[in-house]
Amino acid sequence: MGADNQLYGGSIADFEDSMAREIEQAYNAVLQENGRPSLPEGEATDRRMLFIAIARGVISHMQKKQKALTVTLPANPAGQTVNFNVATR
C-alpha cells in the first residue's frame, strides 16, 4: 500500500492503492453512466496491465514536467509561485 503523499502507478501484485486502480474505477463509472455493463471481475490482468502502463506514463510525465506544475497564489503582490515535487514510490 502506498503513502498518502506519494503517487504510485501500480503493479499486478500491488494494485489496490494505485493510480491504476483509480483509473479502473473511473472507467467502470463511465461505462455505467453510459448504460454499458460494468467491468467483469474475472480475467482482469490484461486490462489492469493497460491501466498500470497509463498510470506510470502519467506519473513519469509529471516528474519530467514538474516545473509546469505551479500555483500562483491569489492576492500575492510578489507574484510568488509554489512548485510541486512529484513524489513516487
PDB file of N, CA and C in Angstrom:
ATOM      1  N   MET A   1       0.826  -1.174   0.000  1.00  0.00           N
ATOM      2  CA  MET A   1       0.000   0.000   0.000  1.00  0.00           C
ATOM      3  C   MET A   1       0.875   1.244   0.000  1.00  0.00           C
ATOM      4  N   GLY A   2       0.400   2.275  -0.684  1.00  0.00           N
ATOM      5  CA  GLY A   2       1.195   3.478  -0.831  1.00  0.00           C
ATOM      6  C   GLY A   2       0.936   4.491   0.262  1.00  0.00           C
ATOM      7  N   ALA A   3       1.808   5.457   0.299  1.00  0.00           N
ATOM      8  CA  ALA A   3       1.654   6.556   1.246  1.00  0.00           C
ATOM      9  C   ALA A   3       0.701   7.597   0.659  1.00  0.00           C
ATOM     10  N   ASP A   4       0.055   8.354   1.507  1.00  0.00           N
ATOM     11  CA  ASP A   4      -0.887   9.369   1.046  1.00  0.00           C
ATOM     12  C   ASP A   4      -0.204  10.508   0.311  1.00  0.00           C
ATOM     13  N   ASN A   5       1.097  10.671   0.486  1.00  0.00           N
ATOM     14  CA  ASN A   5       1.799  11.786  -0.130  1.00  0.00           C
ATOM     15  C   ASN A   5       2.697  11.348  -1.292  1.00  0.00           C
ATOM     16  N   GLN A   6       2.438  10.173  -1.848  1.00  0.00           N
ATOM     17  CA  GLN A   6       3.238   9.677  -2.967  1.00  0.00           C
ATOM     18  C   GLN A   6       2.327   9.122  -4.050  1.00  0.00           C
ATOM     19  N   LEU A   7       2.719   9.375  -5.299  1.00  0.00           N
ATOM     20  CA  LEU A   7       1.989   8.809  -6.429  1.00  0.00           C
ATOM     21  C   LEU A   7       2.531   7.419  -6.709  1.00  0.00           C
ATOM     22  N   TYR A   8       1.641   6.516  -7.069  1.00  0.00           N
ATOM     23  CA  TYR A   8       2.052   5.138  -7.358  1.00  0.00           C
ATOM     24  C   TYR A   8       1.223   4.627  -8.528  1.00  0.00           C
ATOM     25  N   GLY A   9       1.903   4.258  -9.598  1.00  0.00           N
ATOM     26  CA  GLY A   9       1.221   3.776 -10.792  1.00  0.00           C
ATOM     27  C   GLY A   9       0.527   2.452 -10.595  1.00  0.00           C
ATOM     28  N   GLY A  10       1.204   1.547  -9.923  1.00  0.00           N
ATOM     29  CA  GLY A  10       0.619   0.249  -9.641  1.00  0.00           C
ATOM     30  C   GLY A  10       1.422  -0.893 -10.206  1.00  0.00           C
ATOM     31  N   SER A  11       1.045  -2.076  -9.812  1.00  0.00           N
ATOM     32  CA  SER A  11       1.576  -3.328 -10.350  1.00  0.00           C
ATOM     33  C   SER A  11       0.467  -4.359 -10.187  1.00  0.00           C
ATOM     34  N   ILE A  12       0.601  -5.452 -10.881  1.00  0.00           N
ATOM     35  CA  ILE A  12      -0.408  -6.506 -10.753  1.00  0.00           C
ATOM     36  C   ILE A  12      -0.447  -7.005  -9.306  1.00  0.00           C
ATOM     37  N   ALA A  13       0.712  -7.142  -8.679  1.00  0.00           N
ATOM     38  CA  ALA A  13       0.772  -7.653  -7.309  1.00  0.00           C
ATOM     39  C   ALA A  13       0.325  -6.629  -6.274  1.00  0.00           C
ATOM     40  N   ASP A  14       0.398  -5.335  -6.601  1.00  0.00           N
ATOM     41  CA  ASP A  14       0.063  -4.269  -5.653  1.00  0.00           C
ATOM     42  C   ASP A  14      -0.804  -3.234  -6.371  1.00  0.00           C
ATOM     43  N   PHE A  15      -2.055  -3.605  -6.612  1.00  0.00           N
ATOM     44  CA  PHE A  15      -2.945  -2.812  -7.455  1.00  0.00           C
ATOM     45  C   PHE A  15      -3.884  -1.908  -6.664  1.00  0.00           C
ATOM     46  N   GLU A  16      -4.266  -2.307  -5.471  1.00  0.00           N
ATOM     47  CA  GLU A  16      -5.367  -1.679  -4.752  1.00  0.00           C
ATOM     48  C   GLU A  16      -5.167  -0.200  -4.436  1.00  0.00           C
ATOM     49  N   ASP A  17      -4.019   0.221  -4.002  1.00  0.00           N
ATOM     50  CA  ASP A  17      -3.793   1.612  -3.611  1.00  0.00           C
ATOM     51  C   ASP A  17      -2.938   2.305  -4.674  1.00  0.00           C
ATOM     52  N   SER A  18      -3.408   2.273  -5.917  1.00  0.00           N
ATOM     53  CA  SER A  18      -2.600   2.795  -7.016  1.00  0.00           C
ATOM     54  C   SER A  18      -3.413   3.709  -7.920  1.00  0.00           C
ATOM     55  N   MET A  19      -2.715   4.487  -8.722  1.00  0.00           N
ATOM     56  CA  MET A  19      -3.380   5.317  -9.715  1.00  0.00           C
ATOM     57  C   MET A  19      -4.104   4.429 -10.723  1.00  0.00           C
ATOM     58  N   ALA A  20      -3.524   3.288 -11.052  1.00  0.00           N
ATOM     59  CA  ALA A  20      -4.159   2.367 -11.992  1.00  0.00           C
ATOM     60  C   ALA A  20      -5.521   1.913 -11.480  1.00  0.00           C
ATOM     61  N   ARG A  21      -5.646   1.660 -10.196  1.00  0.00           N
ATOM     62  CA  ARG A  21      -6.926   1.266  -9.600  1.00  0.00           C
ATOM     63  C   ARG A  21      -7.948   2.396  -9.739  1.00  0.00           C
ATOM     64  N   GLU A  22      -7.500   3.635  -9.513  1.00  0.00           N
ATOM     65  CA  GLU A  22      -8.390   4.786  -9.673  1.00  0.00           C
ATOM     66  C   GLU A  22      -8.858   4.911 -11.125  1.00  0.00           C
ATOM     67  N   ILE A  23      -7.956   4.650 -12.071  1.00  0.00           N
ATOM     68  CA  ILE A  23      -8.321   4.689 -13.490  1.00  0.00           C
ATOM     69  C   ILE A  23      -9.355   3.604 -13.787  1.00  0.00           C
ATOM     70  N   GLU A  24      -9.139   2.415 -13.262  1.00  0.00           N
ATOM     71  CA  GLU A  24     -10.087   1.322 -13.472  1.00  0.00           C
ATOM     72  C   GLU A  24     -11.463   1.685 -12.908  1.00  0.00           C
ATOM     73  N   GLN A  25     -11.491   2.258 -11.719  1.00  0.00           N
ATOM     74  CA  GLN A  25     -12.765   2.641 -11.104  1.00  0.00           C
ATOM     75  C   GLN A  25     -13.451   3.749 -11.908  1.00  0.00           C
ATOM     76  N   ALA A  26     -12.674   4.712 -12.395  1.00  0.00           N
ATOM     77  CA  ALA A  26     -13.250   5.793 -13.199  1.00  0.00           C
ATOM     78  C   ALA A  26     -13.800   5.251 -14.516  1.00  0.00           C
ATOM     79  N   TYR A  27     -13.076   4.336 -15.138  1.00  0.00           N
ATOM     80  CA  TYR A  27     -13.536   3.730 -16.389  1.00  0.00           C
ATOM     81  C   TYR A  27     -14.843   2.973 -16.162  1.00  0.00           C
ATOM     82  N   ASN A  28     -14.916   2.241 -15.082  1.00  0.00           N
ATOM     83  CA  ASN A  28     -16.132   1.497 -14.756  1.00  0.00           C
ATOM     84  C   ASN A  28     -17.305   2.461 -14.551  1.00  0.00           C
ATOM     85  N   ALA A  29     -17.061   3.578 -13.889  1.00  0.00           N
ATOM     86  CA  ALA A  29     -18.116   4.571 -13.675  1.00  0.00           C
ATOM     87  C   ALA A  29     -18.600   5.158 -14.997  1.00  0.00           C
ATOM     88  N   VAL A  30     -17.673   5.448 -15.912  1.00  0.00           N
ATOM     89  CA  VAL A  30     -18.045   5.990 -17.223  1.00  0.00           C
ATOM     90  C   VAL A  30     -18.874   4.975 -18.002  1.00  0.00           C
ATOM     91  N   LEU A  31     -18.487   3.709 -17.931  1.00  0.00           N
ATOM     92  CA  LEU A  31     -19.273   2.669 -18.596  1.00  0.00           C
ATOM     93  C   LEU A  31     -20.707   2.673 -18.073  1.00  0.00           C
ATOM     94  N   GLN A  32     -20.849   2.689 -16.763  1.00  0.00           N
ATOM     95  CA  GLN A  32     -22.179   2.651 -16.144  1.00  0.00           C
ATOM     96  C   GLN A  32     -22.990   3.899 -16.475  1.00  0.00           C
ATOM     97  N   GLU A  33     -22.339   5.069 -16.500  1.00  0.00           N
ATOM     98  CA  GLU A  33     -23.031   6.318 -16.834  1.00  0.00           C
ATOM     99  C   GLU A  33     -23.607   6.287 -18.247  1.00  0.00           C
ATOM    100  N   ASN A  34     -22.996   5.491 -19.094  1.00  0.00           N
ATOM    101  CA  ASN A  34     -23.410   5.426 -20.489  1.00  0.00           C
ATOM    102  C   ASN A  34     -24.176   4.154 -20.825  1.00  0.00           C
ATOM    103  N   GLY A  35     -24.722   3.520 -19.782  1.00  0.00           N
ATOM    104  CA  GLY A  35     -25.572   2.362 -19.983  1.00  0.00           C
ATOM    105  C   GLY A  35     -24.857   1.099 -20.405  1.00  0.00           C
ATOM    106  N   ARG A  36     -23.570   1.049 -20.210  1.00  0.00           N
ATOM    107  CA  ARG A  36     -22.800  -0.149 -20.551  1.00  0.00           C
ATOM    108  C   ARG A  36     -22.673  -1.037 -19.325  1.00  0.00           C
ATOM    109  N   PRO A  37     -22.416  -2.325 -19.542  1.00  0.00           N
ATOM    110  CA  PRO A  37     -22.233  -3.217 -18.392  1.00  0.00           C
ATOM    111  C   PRO A  37     -20.944  -2.875 -17.636  1.00  0.00           C
ATOM    112  N   SER A  38     -20.942  -3.158 -16.343  1.00  0.00           N
ATOM    113  CA  SER A  38     -19.749  -2.963 -15.514  1.00  0.00           C
ATOM    114  C   SER A  38     -18.625  -3.867 -15.992  1.00  0.00           C
ATOM    115  N   LEU A  39     -17.421  -3.510 -15.611  1.00  0.00           N
ATOM    116  CA  LEU A  39     -16.267  -4.351 -15.950  1.00  0.00           C
ATOM    117  C   LEU A  39     -16.416  -5.710 -15.278  1.00  0.00           C
ATOM    118  N   PRO A  40     -16.068  -6.775 -15.982  1.00  0.00           N
ATOM    119  CA  PRO A  40     -16.148  -8.107 -15.365  1.00  0.00           C
ATOM    120  C   PRO A  40     -15.064  -8.277 -14.305  1.00  0.00           C
ATOM    121  N   GLU A  41     -15.399  -8.975 -13.248  1.00  0.00           N
ATOM    122  CA  GLU A  41     -14.442  -9.197 -12.162  1.00  0.00           C
ATOM    123  C   GLU A  41     -13.387 -10.242 -12.522  1.00  0.00           C
ATOM    124  N   GLY A  42     -13.748 -11.191 -13.360  1.00  0.00           N
ATOM    125  CA  GLY A  42     -12.800 -12.238 -13.743  1.00  0.00           C
ATOM    126  C   GLY A  42     -11.656 -11.673 -14.565  1.00  0.00           C
ATOM    127  N   GLU A  43     -10.902 -12.444 -15.142  1.00  0.00           N
ATOM    128  CA  GLU A  43      -9.762 -12.155 -16.020  1.00  0.00           C
ATOM    129  C   GLU A  43      -9.500 -10.665 -16.263  1.00  0.00           C
ATOM    130  N   ALA A  44      -8.951  -9.993 -15.272  1.00  0.00           N
ATOM    131  CA  ALA A  44      -8.704  -8.551 -15.352  1.00  0.00           C
ATOM    132  C   ALA A  44      -7.243  -8.217 -15.634  1.00  0.00           C
ATOM    133  N   THR A  45      -6.377  -9.207 -15.732  1.00  0.00           N
ATOM    134  CA  THR A  45      -4.940  -8.953 -15.816  1.00  0.00           C
ATOM    135  C   THR A  45      -4.562  -8.088 -17.005  1.00  0.00           C
ATOM    136  N   ASP A  46      -5.053  -8.402 -18.200  1.00  0.00           N
ATOM    137  CA  ASP A  46      -4.688  -7.612 -19.376  1.00  0.00           C
ATOM    138  C   ASP A  46      -5.164  -6.167 -19.252  1.00  0.00           C
ATOM    139  N   ARG A  47      -6.386  -5.989 -18.807  1.00  0.00           N
ATOM    140  CA  ARG A  47      -6.937  -4.645 -18.620  1.00  0.00           C
ATOM    141  C   ARG A  47      -6.125  -3.887 -17.580  1.00  0.00           C
ATOM    142  N   ARG A  48      -5.798  -4.525 -16.491  1.00  0.00           N
ATOM    143  CA  ARG A  48      -5.038  -3.864 -15.434  1.00  0.00           C
ATOM    144  C   ARG A  48      -3.628  -3.520 -15.882  1.00  0.00           C
ATOM    145  N   MET A  49      -3.017  -4.348 -16.712  1.00  0.00           N
ATOM    146  CA  MET A  49      -1.690  -4.008 -17.240  1.00  0.00           C
ATOM    147  C   MET A  49      -1.758  -2.722 -18.058  1.00  0.00           C
ATOM    148  N   LEU A  50      -2.837  -2.542 -18.830  1.00  0.00           N
ATOM    149  CA  LEU A  50      -3.020  -1.315 -19.595  1.00  0.00           C
ATOM    150  C   LEU A  50      -3.162  -0.123 -18.656  1.00  0.00           C
ATOM    151  N   PHE A  51      -3.987  -0.237 -17.627  1.00  0.00           N
ATOM    152  CA  PHE A  51      -4.180   0.866 -16.690  1.00  0.00           C
ATOM    153  C   PHE A  51      -2.894   1.181 -15.923  1.00  0.00           C
ATOM    154  N   ILE A  52      -2.124   0.167 -15.580  1.00  0.00           N
ATOM    155  CA  ILE A  52      -0.836   0.376 -14.905  1.00  0.00           C
ATOM    156  C   ILE A  52       0.102   1.147 -15.826  1.00  0.00           C
ATOM    157  N   ALA A  53       0.159   0.766 -17.095  1.00  0.00           N
ATOM    158  CA  ALA A  53       1.028   1.462 -18.049  1.00  0.00           C
ATOM    159  C   ALA A  53       0.607   2.923 -18.197  1.00  0.00           C
ATOM    160  N   ILE A  54      -0.679   3.181 -18.286  1.00  0.00           N
ATOM    161  CA  ILE A  54      -1.165   4.559 -18.388  1.00  0.00           C
ATOM    162  C   ILE A  54      -0.776   5.348 -17.143  1.00  0.00           C
ATOM    163  N   ALA A  55      -1.030   4.792 -15.969  1.00  0.00           N
ATOM    164  CA  ALA A  55      -0.711   5.483 -14.718  1.00  0.00           C
ATOM    165  C   ALA A  55       0.780   5.765 -14.603  1.00  0.00           C
ATOM    166  N   ARG A  56       1.609   4.792 -14.933  1.00  0.00           N
ATOM    167  CA  ARG A  56       3.057   5.005 -14.862  1.00  0.00           C
ATOM    168  C   ARG A  56       3.503   6.077 -15.848  1.00  0.00           C
ATOM    169  N   GLY A  57       2.894   6.103 -17.027  1.00  0.00           N
ATOM    170  CA  GLY A  57       3.218   7.126 -18.020  1.00  0.00           C
ATOM    171  C   GLY A  57       2.833   8.515 -17.536  1.00  0.00           C
ATOM    172  N   VAL A  58       1.666   8.644 -16.920  1.00  0.00           N
ATOM    173  CA  VAL A  58       1.227   9.934 -16.382  1.00  0.00           C
ATOM    174  C   VAL A  58       2.192  10.409 -15.306  1.00  0.00           C
ATOM    175  N   ILE A  59       2.559   9.532 -14.394  1.00  0.00           N
ATOM    176  CA  ILE A  59       3.474   9.899 -13.311  1.00  0.00           C
ATOM    177  C   ILE A  59       4.840  10.276 -13.874  1.00  0.00           C
ATOM    178  N   SER A  60       5.335   9.512 -14.822  1.00  0.00           N
ATOM    179  CA  SER A  60       6.628   9.809 -15.435  1.00  0.00           C
ATOM    180  C   SER A  60       6.604  11.177 -16.111  1.00  0.00           C
ATOM    181  N   HIS A  61       5.534  11.460 -16.825  1.00  0.00           N
ATOM    182  CA  HIS A  61       5.402  12.751 -17.496  1.00  0.00           C
ATOM    183  C   HIS A  61       5.363  13.890 -16.472  1.00  0.00           C
ATOM    184  N   MET A  62       4.631  13.691 -15.385  1.00  0.00           N
ATOM    185  CA  MET A  62       4.562  14.710 -14.344  1.00  0.00           C
ATOM    186  C   MET A  62       5.926  14.955 -13.714  1.00  0.00           C
ATOM    187  N   GLN A  63       6.699  13.888 -13.520  1.00  0.00           N
ATOM    188  CA  GLN A  63       8.036  14.046 -12.947  1.00  0.00           C
ATOM    189  C   GLN A  63       8.936  14.846 -13.891  1.00  0.00           C
ATOM    190  N   LYS A  64       8.835  14.573 -15.169  1.00  0.00           N
ATOM    191  CA  LYS A  64       9.680  15.252 -16.155  1.00  0.00           C
ATOM    192  C   LYS A  64       9.268  16.706 -16.350  1.00  0.00           C
ATOM    193  N   LYS A  65       8.025  17.028 -16.057  1.00  0.00           N
ATOM    194  CA  LYS A  65       7.487  18.373 -16.291  1.00  0.00           C
ATOM    195  C   LYS A  65       7.104  19.075 -14.990  1.00  0.00           C
ATOM    196  N   GLN A  66       7.837  18.807 -13.914  1.00  0.00           N
ATOM    197  CA  GLN A  66       7.472  19.363 -12.617  1.00  0.00           C
ATOM    198  C   GLN A  66       7.403  20.881 -12.613  1.00  0.00           C
ATOM    199  N   LYS A  67       8.225  21.538 -13.416  1.00  0.00           N
ATOM    200  CA  LYS A  67       8.213  23.000 -13.450  1.00  0.00           C
ATOM    201  C   LYS A  67       6.900  23.543 -14.004  1.00  0.00           C
ATOM    202  N   ALA A  68       6.168  22.714 -14.737  1.00  0.00           N
ATOM    203  CA  ALA A  68       4.880  23.136 -15.280  1.00  0.00           C
ATOM    204  C   ALA A  68       3.780  23.071 -14.230  1.00  0.00           C
ATOM    205  N   LEU A  69       4.028  22.386 -13.135  1.00  0.00           N
ATOM    206  CA  LEU A  69       3.039  22.243 -12.073  1.00  0.00           C
ATOM    207  C   LEU A  69       3.260  23.344 -11.044  1.00  0.00           C
ATOM    208  N   THR A  70       2.708  24.507 -11.314  1.00  0.00           N
ATOM    209  CA  THR A  70       2.848  25.629 -10.395  1.00  0.00           C
ATOM    210  C   THR A  70       1.477  26.189 -10.058  1.00  0.00           C
ATOM    211  N   VAL A  71       1.421  26.846  -8.925  1.00  0.00           N
ATOM    212  CA  VAL A  71       0.207  27.518  -8.487  1.00  0.00           C
ATOM    213  C   VAL A  71       0.587  28.950  -8.150  1.00  0.00           C
ATOM    214  N   THR A  72      -0.104  29.903  -8.738  1.00  0.00           N
ATOM    215  CA  THR A  72       0.107  31.294  -8.383  1.00  0.00           C
ATOM    216  C   THR A  72      -0.889  31.634  -7.290  1.00  0.00           C
ATOM    217  N   LEU A  73      -0.390  32.106  -6.190  1.00  0.00           N
ATOM    218  CA  LEU A  73      -1.237  32.392  -5.041  1.00  0.00           C
ATOM    219  C   LEU A  73      -1.984  33.704  -5.263  1.00  0.00           C
ATOM    220  N   PRO A  74      -3.307  33.718  -5.039  1.00  0.00           N
ATOM    221  CA  PRO A  74      -4.069  34.956  -5.214  1.00  0.00           C
ATOM    222  C   PRO A  74      -3.682  35.985  -4.152  1.00  0.00           C
ATOM    223  N   ALA A  75      -3.894  37.222  -4.479  1.00  0.00           N
ATOM    224  CA  ALA A  75      -3.588  38.334  -3.568  1.00  0.00           C
ATOM    225  C   ALA A  75      -2.151  38.251  -3.088  1.00  0.00           C
ATOM    226  N   ASN A  76      -1.271  37.961  -4.005  1.00  0.00           N
ATOM    227  CA  ASN A  76       0.140  37.801  -3.688  1.00  0.00           C
ATOM    228  C   ASN A  76       0.915  38.848  -4.483  1.00  0.00           C
ATOM    229  N   PRO A  77       1.175  40.007  -3.892  1.00  0.00           N
ATOM    230  CA  PRO A  77       1.803  41.089  -4.642  1.00  0.00           C
ATOM    231  C   PRO A  77       3.180  40.740  -5.192  1.00  0.00           C
ATOM    232  N   ALA A  78       3.872  39.832  -4.549  1.00  0.00           N
ATOM    233  CA  ALA A  78       5.206  39.465  -5.029  1.00  0.00           C
ATOM    234  C   ALA A  78       5.136  38.496  -6.197  1.00  0.00           C
ATOM    235  N   GLY A  79       3.935  37.946  -6.480  1.00  0.00           N
ATOM    236  CA  GLY A  79       3.791  37.006  -7.583  1.00  0.00           C
ATOM    237  C   GLY A  79       4.527  35.699  -7.353  1.00  0.00           C
ATOM    238  N   GLN A  80       4.654  35.321  -6.105  1.00  0.00           N
ATOM    239  CA  GLN A  80       5.361  34.084  -5.792  1.00  0.00           C
ATOM    240  C   GLN A  80       4.565  32.877  -6.267  1.00  0.00           C
ATOM    241  N   THR A  81       5.267  31.845  -6.653  1.00  0.00           N
ATOM    242  CA  THR A  81       4.630  30.600  -7.058  1.00  0.00           C
ATOM    243  C   THR A  81       5.091  29.465  -6.151  1.00  0.00           C
ATOM    244  N   VAL A  82       4.320  28.422  -6.160  1.00  0.00           N
ATOM    245  CA  VAL A  82       4.643  27.221  -5.396  1.00  0.00           C
ATOM    246  C   VAL A  82       4.950  26.127  -6.403  1.00  0.00           C
ATOM    247  N   ASN A  83       6.096  25.491  -6.275  1.00  0.00           N
ATOM    248  CA  ASN A  83       6.456  24.393  -7.157  1.00  0.00           C
ATOM    249  C   ASN A  83       6.167  23.075  -6.455  1.00  0.00           C
ATOM    250  N   PHE A  84       5.737  22.115  -7.249  1.00  0.00           N
ATOM    251  CA  PHE A  84       5.405  20.804  -6.726  1.00  0.00           C
ATOM    252  C   PHE A  84       6.571  19.856  -6.898  1.00  0.00           C
ATOM    253  N   ASN A  85       6.730  18.963  -5.947  1.00  0.00           N
ATOM    254  CA  ASN A  85       7.670  17.867  -6.075  1.00  0.00           C
ATOM    255  C   ASN A  85       6.835  16.603  -6.205  1.00  0.00           C
ATOM    256  N   VAL A  86       6.901  15.950  -7.359  1.00  0.00           N
ATOM    257  CA  VAL A  86       6.111  14.752  -7.598  1.00  0.00           C
ATOM    258  C   VAL A  86       6.826  13.572  -6.944  1.00  0.00           C
ATOM    259  N   ALA A  87       6.342  13.168  -5.788  1.00  0.00           N
ATOM    260  CA  ALA A  87       6.952  12.075  -5.037  1.00  0.00           C
ATOM    261  C   ALA A  87       6.317  10.764  -5.451  1.00  0.00           C
ATOM    262  N   THR A  88       7.145   9.782  -5.703  1.00  0.00           N
ATOM    263  CA  THR A  88       6.662   8.458  -6.079  1.00  0.00           C
ATOM    264  C   THR A  88       7.307   7.410  -5.190  1.00  0.00           C
ATOM    265  N   ARG A  89       6.760   6.237  -5.267  1.00  0.00           N
ATOM    266  CA  ARG A  89       7.392   5.129  -4.543  1.00  0.00           C
ATOM    267  C   ARG A  89       7.751   4.042  -5.506  1.00  0.00           C
TER     268      ARG A  89
END
